[in-house]
Protein backbone atom coordinates (compact mmCIF):
# COMPACT_ATOMS: atom_id res chain seq x y z
CA MET A 1 91.28 -13.55 -36.76
CA ARG A 2 87.67 -12.80 -37.74
CA LEU A 3 85.94 -15.72 -39.42
CA GLY A 4 83.22 -15.09 -41.95
CA ILE A 5 81.36 -16.28 -45.03
CA ALA A 6 81.06 -14.43 -48.34
CA ILE A 7 77.87 -15.33 -50.23
CA ASP A 8 77.86 -14.69 -53.99
CA SER A 9 74.21 -14.69 -55.08
CA SER A 10 75.19 -14.68 -58.75
CA LYS A 11 76.61 -18.20 -58.34
CA CYS A 12 73.73 -19.68 -56.35
CA MET A 13 71.58 -22.08 -58.41
CA ALA A 14 69.06 -22.87 -55.66
CA CYS A 15 70.08 -26.51 -55.34
CA TYR A 16 69.53 -26.41 -51.56
CA CYS A 17 72.69 -28.44 -50.89
CA CYS A 18 73.65 -25.94 -48.18
CA VAL A 19 70.25 -26.31 -46.50
CA THR A 20 70.46 -30.10 -46.64
CA ALA A 21 74.01 -30.14 -45.26
CA CYS A 22 72.97 -27.91 -42.36
CA LYS A 23 70.05 -30.20 -41.55
CA ASP A 24 72.30 -33.24 -41.80
CA GLU A 25 74.76 -31.74 -39.35
CA HIS A 26 72.46 -30.23 -36.75
CA CYS A 27 69.14 -32.12 -36.75
CA ALA A 28 69.01 -34.56 -33.82
CA PHE A 29 72.60 -33.71 -32.87
CA ALA A 30 73.47 -31.57 -29.86
CA SER A 31 76.78 -29.94 -29.01
CA ALA A 32 78.10 -27.68 -26.28
CA LEU A 33 77.22 -24.74 -28.57
CA SER A 34 73.69 -25.68 -29.62
CA ALA A 35 70.74 -27.90 -28.90
CA PRO A 36 69.52 -30.13 -31.78
CA GLN A 37 67.92 -28.31 -34.68
CA PRO A 38 64.32 -29.45 -35.22
CA MET A 39 63.67 -31.21 -38.51
CA MET A 40 60.77 -28.89 -39.31
CA GLY A 41 60.30 -25.14 -38.88
CA GLN A 42 63.93 -24.04 -38.61
CA PHE A 43 66.35 -23.17 -41.41
CA TRP A 44 69.67 -22.01 -40.03
CA ILE A 45 70.57 -21.32 -43.65
CA ASN A 46 67.76 -20.71 -46.12
CA LEU A 47 67.25 -19.44 -49.66
CA SER A 48 65.31 -16.28 -50.37
CA GLU A 49 63.95 -16.64 -53.90
CA TRP A 50 61.86 -14.34 -56.06
CA GLU A 51 60.77 -14.01 -59.65
CA ARG A 52 62.08 -11.03 -61.56
CA GLY A 53 60.38 -9.29 -64.47
CA ASP A 54 56.84 -8.32 -65.39
CA ASN A 55 56.52 -9.80 -68.87
CA SER A 56 56.75 -13.36 -70.13
CA ARG A 57 59.46 -12.31 -72.60
CA ARG A 58 61.95 -11.61 -69.82
CA ILE A 59 61.52 -13.54 -66.58
CA LYS A 60 64.43 -14.41 -64.32
CA THR A 61 64.80 -15.61 -60.77
CA ALA A 62 67.06 -14.37 -57.99
CA THR A 63 68.32 -16.47 -55.08
CA VAL A 64 69.98 -15.21 -51.93
CA PRO A 65 71.28 -17.72 -49.37
CA THR A 66 70.53 -16.22 -45.96
CA LEU A 67 71.75 -17.15 -42.49
CA CYS A 68 72.70 -15.42 -39.26
CA SER A 69 75.00 -12.56 -40.28
CA HIS A 70 77.11 -12.88 -37.10
CA CYS A 71 76.98 -9.13 -36.60
CA GLN A 72 79.89 -7.30 -35.06
CA ASP A 73 77.45 -5.51 -32.73
CA PRO A 74 74.62 -8.08 -32.47
CA GLU A 75 71.12 -6.91 -31.55
CA CYS A 76 70.40 -10.38 -30.19
CA MET A 77 73.29 -10.04 -27.74
CA LYS A 78 71.92 -6.70 -26.51
CA ALA A 79 68.50 -8.24 -25.93
CA ALA A 80 69.81 -11.29 -24.09
CA ARG A 81 70.09 -11.59 -20.34
CA ASP A 82 72.84 -13.22 -18.27
CA GLY A 83 75.25 -13.58 -21.19
CA ALA A 84 72.91 -15.91 -23.09
CA VAL A 85 74.31 -14.62 -26.39
CA TYR A 86 78.04 -14.03 -26.75
CA LYS A 87 80.59 -13.37 -29.46
CA ARG A 88 83.67 -15.53 -29.66
CA PRO A 89 87.14 -14.04 -30.27
CA ASP A 90 86.89 -15.26 -33.88
CA GLY A 91 83.69 -13.22 -34.38
CA ILE A 92 81.19 -16.11 -34.40
CA VAL A 93 78.02 -15.26 -32.43
CA ILE A 94 76.68 -18.08 -30.26
CA ILE A 95 73.41 -18.52 -28.36
CA ASP A 96 74.15 -20.44 -25.17
CA PRO A 97 71.76 -23.43 -25.19
CA VAL A 98 71.48 -23.38 -21.39
CA LYS A 99 71.46 -19.69 -20.45
CA ALA A 100 69.11 -18.71 -23.29
CA LYS A 101 66.27 -20.99 -22.18
CA GLY A 102 63.00 -19.06 -22.00
CA GLN A 103 64.43 -15.89 -23.58
CA LYS A 104 62.14 -15.43 -26.57
CA GLN A 105 63.09 -11.75 -26.83
CA ILE A 106 66.34 -12.95 -28.45
CA VAL A 107 64.31 -14.18 -31.44
CA ASP A 108 62.48 -10.86 -31.79
CA ALA A 109 65.72 -8.87 -31.70
CA CYS A 110 67.12 -10.26 -34.96
CA PRO A 111 66.56 -7.76 -37.83
CA ILE A 112 66.56 -10.47 -40.52
CA GLY A 113 64.63 -13.22 -38.74
CA ALA A 114 67.57 -15.62 -38.63
CA ILE A 115 66.84 -16.78 -35.06
CA PHE A 116 64.17 -19.42 -34.48
CA TRP A 117 62.13 -20.37 -31.43
CA ASN A 118 62.12 -24.01 -30.34
CA GLU A 119 58.75 -24.31 -28.64
CA GLU A 120 59.47 -27.75 -27.22
CA LEU A 121 62.76 -26.73 -25.63
CA GLN A 122 61.70 -23.10 -25.03
CA LEU A 123 64.95 -22.05 -26.64
CA PRO A 124 66.12 -19.59 -29.33
CA GLN A 125 68.35 -21.23 -31.95
CA LYS A 126 70.37 -20.21 -34.99
CA CYS A 127 73.41 -20.87 -37.15
CA THR A 128 76.63 -21.49 -35.22
CA MET A 129 78.78 -21.28 -38.37
CA CYS A 130 79.55 -24.91 -37.44
CA ALA A 131 81.87 -23.62 -34.72
CA GLU A 132 81.64 -26.98 -32.95
CA LEU A 133 83.21 -28.60 -36.03
CA LEU A 134 85.78 -25.86 -36.54
CA ASP A 135 86.93 -26.48 -32.95
CA ASP A 136 87.10 -30.26 -33.46
CA PRO A 137 90.67 -31.40 -34.23
CA ASP A 138 89.31 -34.58 -35.82
CA TYR A 139 87.00 -32.80 -38.27
CA LEU A 140 88.22 -32.93 -41.84
CA SER A 141 86.92 -30.63 -44.55
CA TYR A 142 87.98 -29.29 -47.92
CA LEU A 143 87.55 -26.05 -49.92
CA SER A 144 89.31 -24.41 -47.00
CA ASP A 145 90.91 -21.00 -47.01
CA SER A 146 94.55 -21.70 -46.13
CA LYS A 147 94.48 -24.35 -43.37
CA LEU A 148 91.05 -23.38 -42.05
CA LYS A 149 88.27 -25.92 -41.87
CA VAL A 150 84.93 -24.83 -43.28
CA PRO A 151 81.28 -24.99 -42.17
CA ARG A 152 79.12 -27.72 -43.69
CA CYS A 153 77.09 -25.32 -45.87
CA VAL A 154 80.27 -23.99 -47.48
CA GLU A 155 81.62 -27.48 -47.99
CA ALA A 156 78.40 -28.66 -49.67
CA CYS A 157 77.99 -25.84 -52.23
CA PRO A 158 78.77 -27.25 -55.71
CA ASN A 159 79.10 -23.79 -57.27
CA GLN A 160 81.33 -22.33 -54.55
CA ALA A 161 78.80 -19.58 -53.99
CA LEU A 162 79.84 -19.61 -50.32
CA LYS A 163 83.42 -18.77 -49.35
CA PHE A 164 84.75 -19.13 -45.80
CA GLY A 165 87.86 -17.55 -44.36
CA ASP A 166 89.57 -14.91 -42.26
CA LEU A 167 88.13 -11.46 -42.93
CA ASP A 168 91.00 -9.81 -41.06
CA ASP A 169 93.60 -11.25 -43.43
CA PRO A 170 93.75 -9.19 -46.65
CA GLU A 171 95.54 -12.07 -48.38
CA SER A 172 92.87 -14.65 -47.57
CA GLY A 173 90.66 -15.97 -50.35
CA ILE A 174 87.53 -14.45 -48.84
CA SER A 175 89.11 -11.00 -48.52
CA LYS A 176 90.31 -11.08 -52.12
CA LEU A 177 86.85 -12.18 -53.29
CA ILE A 178 85.19 -9.26 -51.51
CA ALA A 179 87.81 -6.80 -52.81
CA ASP A 180 87.44 -8.01 -56.42
CA LYS A 181 86.13 -5.11 -58.53
CA ASN A 182 83.95 -7.53 -60.48
CA ASN A 183 81.92 -8.20 -57.34
CA ARG A 184 79.46 -5.86 -55.67
CA VAL A 185 79.12 -5.87 -51.90
CA THR A 186 75.35 -5.81 -51.42
CA GLN A 187 74.38 -5.80 -47.76
CA LEU A 188 70.95 -7.06 -46.79
CA GLU A 189 68.65 -4.03 -46.63
CA LYS A 190 67.64 -4.63 -43.00
CA LEU A 191 71.30 -4.69 -41.99
CA GLU A 192 72.26 -1.54 -43.90
CA GLY A 193 75.07 0.25 -42.10
CA LYS A 194 75.93 -2.69 -39.84
CA GLU A 195 79.23 -4.54 -39.95
CA THR A 196 78.72 -8.27 -40.22
CA ASN A 197 80.84 -11.38 -40.64
CA VAL A 198 78.58 -12.74 -43.36
CA ILE A 199 79.12 -10.63 -46.47
CA HIS A 200 76.62 -10.70 -49.34
CA LEU A 201 77.85 -10.18 -52.88
CA ASN A 202 75.93 -9.48 -56.08
CA ILE A 203 72.36 -9.43 -54.79
CA PRO A 204 70.57 -8.02 -57.87
CA THR A 205 68.94 -4.60 -57.78
CA VAL A 206 66.70 -3.81 -60.78
CA PHE A 207 66.91 -4.48 -64.52
CA LEU A 208 65.26 -2.89 -67.54
CA ALA A 209 64.98 -4.82 -70.78
CA GLY A 210 63.26 -4.70 -74.14
CA THR A 211 63.30 -5.81 -77.78
CA VAL A 212 63.98 -3.66 -80.85
CA TYR A 213 62.53 -4.40 -84.28
CA LEU A 214 63.00 -2.93 -87.71
CA PRO A 215 59.81 -1.50 -89.28
CA LYS A 216 56.84 -3.87 -88.87
CA GLU A 217 56.64 -4.69 -92.54
CA LYS A 218 60.14 -6.21 -92.44
CA GLU A 219 59.21 -8.61 -89.62
CA GLU A 220 62.82 -8.62 -88.44
CA VAL A 221 64.53 -7.88 -85.15
CA CYS A 222 67.17 -5.16 -85.07
CA VAL A 223 70.64 -6.47 -84.28
CA GLY A 224 73.24 -4.01 -82.99
CA ALA A 225 70.97 -1.08 -82.12
CA THR A 226 72.49 1.22 -79.50
CA VAL A 227 70.55 1.52 -76.24
CA GLU A 228 71.53 4.37 -73.91
CA LEU A 229 70.09 4.81 -70.41
CA SER A 230 70.58 7.78 -68.12
CA CYS A 231 69.37 8.82 -64.69
CA LYS A 232 69.14 12.58 -64.08
CA GLU A 233 68.86 12.09 -60.32
CA THR A 234 72.17 10.27 -59.94
CA GLY A 235 73.97 11.34 -63.11
CA GLU A 236 74.67 7.71 -63.99
CA LYS A 237 74.68 6.46 -67.58
CA TRP A 238 74.62 3.01 -69.15
CA LYS A 239 75.09 1.82 -72.73
CA THR A 240 74.48 -1.50 -74.45
CA GLN A 241 73.48 -3.00 -77.81
CA THR A 242 70.74 -5.34 -78.94
CA ASN A 243 71.79 -8.97 -79.44
CA TYR A 244 71.01 -11.38 -82.26
CA PHE A 245 67.44 -11.66 -81.03
CA GLY A 246 66.97 -7.88 -80.91
CA ASP A 247 66.95 -8.00 -77.12
CA TRP A 248 68.68 -5.63 -74.73
CA GLU A 249 69.02 -5.60 -70.95
CA VAL A 250 70.74 -3.43 -68.38
CA GLU A 251 71.21 -4.78 -64.85
CA TRP A 252 72.26 -3.14 -61.58
CA LEU A 253 70.13 -0.03 -61.97
CA PRO A 254 69.34 2.12 -58.92
CA LYS A 255 65.95 1.41 -57.40
CA ASN A 256 62.98 3.77 -57.59
CA LYS A 257 64.53 6.15 -60.11
CA SER A 258 63.33 7.62 -63.39
CA ILE A 259 65.45 6.31 -66.26
CA ASP A 260 65.55 7.94 -69.71
CA ILE A 261 66.04 5.44 -72.55
CA LYS A 262 67.24 6.25 -76.05
CA ILE A 263 67.39 3.67 -78.85
CA SER A 264 69.24 4.52 -82.06
CA PHE A 265 70.26 2.66 -85.21
CA THR A 266 71.91 4.00 -88.37
CA GLY A 267 69.36 5.12 -90.95
CA TYR A 268 66.42 5.07 -88.53
CA LYS A 269 64.76 7.63 -86.28
CA PRO A 270 65.84 7.46 -82.63
CA VAL A 271 63.23 6.39 -80.10
CA THR A 272 63.13 7.79 -76.57
CA TYR A 273 60.99 6.98 -73.56
CA THR A 274 61.18 6.84 -69.77
CA ALA A 275 60.83 3.96 -67.32
CA VAL A 276 60.72 3.87 -63.52
CA THR A 277 62.82 1.30 -61.66
CA ASP A 278 60.24 0.52 -58.99
CA ALA A 279 60.67 -3.10 -60.07
CA ASP A 280 62.27 -5.17 -62.83
CA HIS A 281 60.60 -4.22 -66.11
CA TYR A 282 60.47 -5.48 -69.66
CA VAL A 283 59.73 -2.11 -71.22
CA ASP A 284 58.09 -3.51 -74.36
CA MET A 285 58.88 -3.93 -78.04
CA THR A 286 60.19 -0.97 -80.01
CA TYR A 287 59.63 -0.67 -83.79
CA LEU A 288 61.98 1.64 -85.65
CA GLU A 289 61.04 3.95 -88.51
CA LYS A 290 63.19 4.96 -91.46
CA LYS A 291 64.56 8.50 -91.38
């Protein structure tokens, strides 16, 4: 059994219920697996948020819940002395609250900054995946995968953006979620190539968007125009149509590539231009001309 959490960023609405639940469980409460989490300065699960788009006509936000990834080959465990960091048989990585005292190098070893330094206790601390609760026969939880209990952050998520279960069981809910073709496995960039027990899904890449109008004198948007995108470097192609507001958008584009865009509509001259996916872009308004 290898326990893990799948995080679907497309379902996260930045309500911070997971953060609050984590604080509620670990602040001022110690266990054999962790010292108390300080009220301030530590977020064993946190939300990375950023604004997407470069034009007021198309602004979106992205949210990625982030916690210790419980790596299969943890850098923190390599940096620790005297077995201060260890991996349980179920894959959960634990910092020993006694042996780790004074070992600040454990904090520095984490590629994603998910380990925090408790200055008062001189102790590195991080998410335990609520292992102390999972081990407690009296702990009751819901939203479980089969008969498994779940960590508090998973239990608290109203959108079920966090899914807990056995990654080694192909029939488990978490394994089926990750295998679903509608989901994209999108590893955190700083953990690229590493196998982890926290799996990120649907972290957005880059979008291009725009608005198509009929000739200016008509003062009307163009509904149903065909928008074709292509990338010579990768050979990928995308196709969409403008909606009832004349808007179009294509998500999940490769980063830092040159994208050729062609807009066509029956009876009008096609329009072509190029955009670079160095960031999310609203590529402006396009006015069509009669053939």
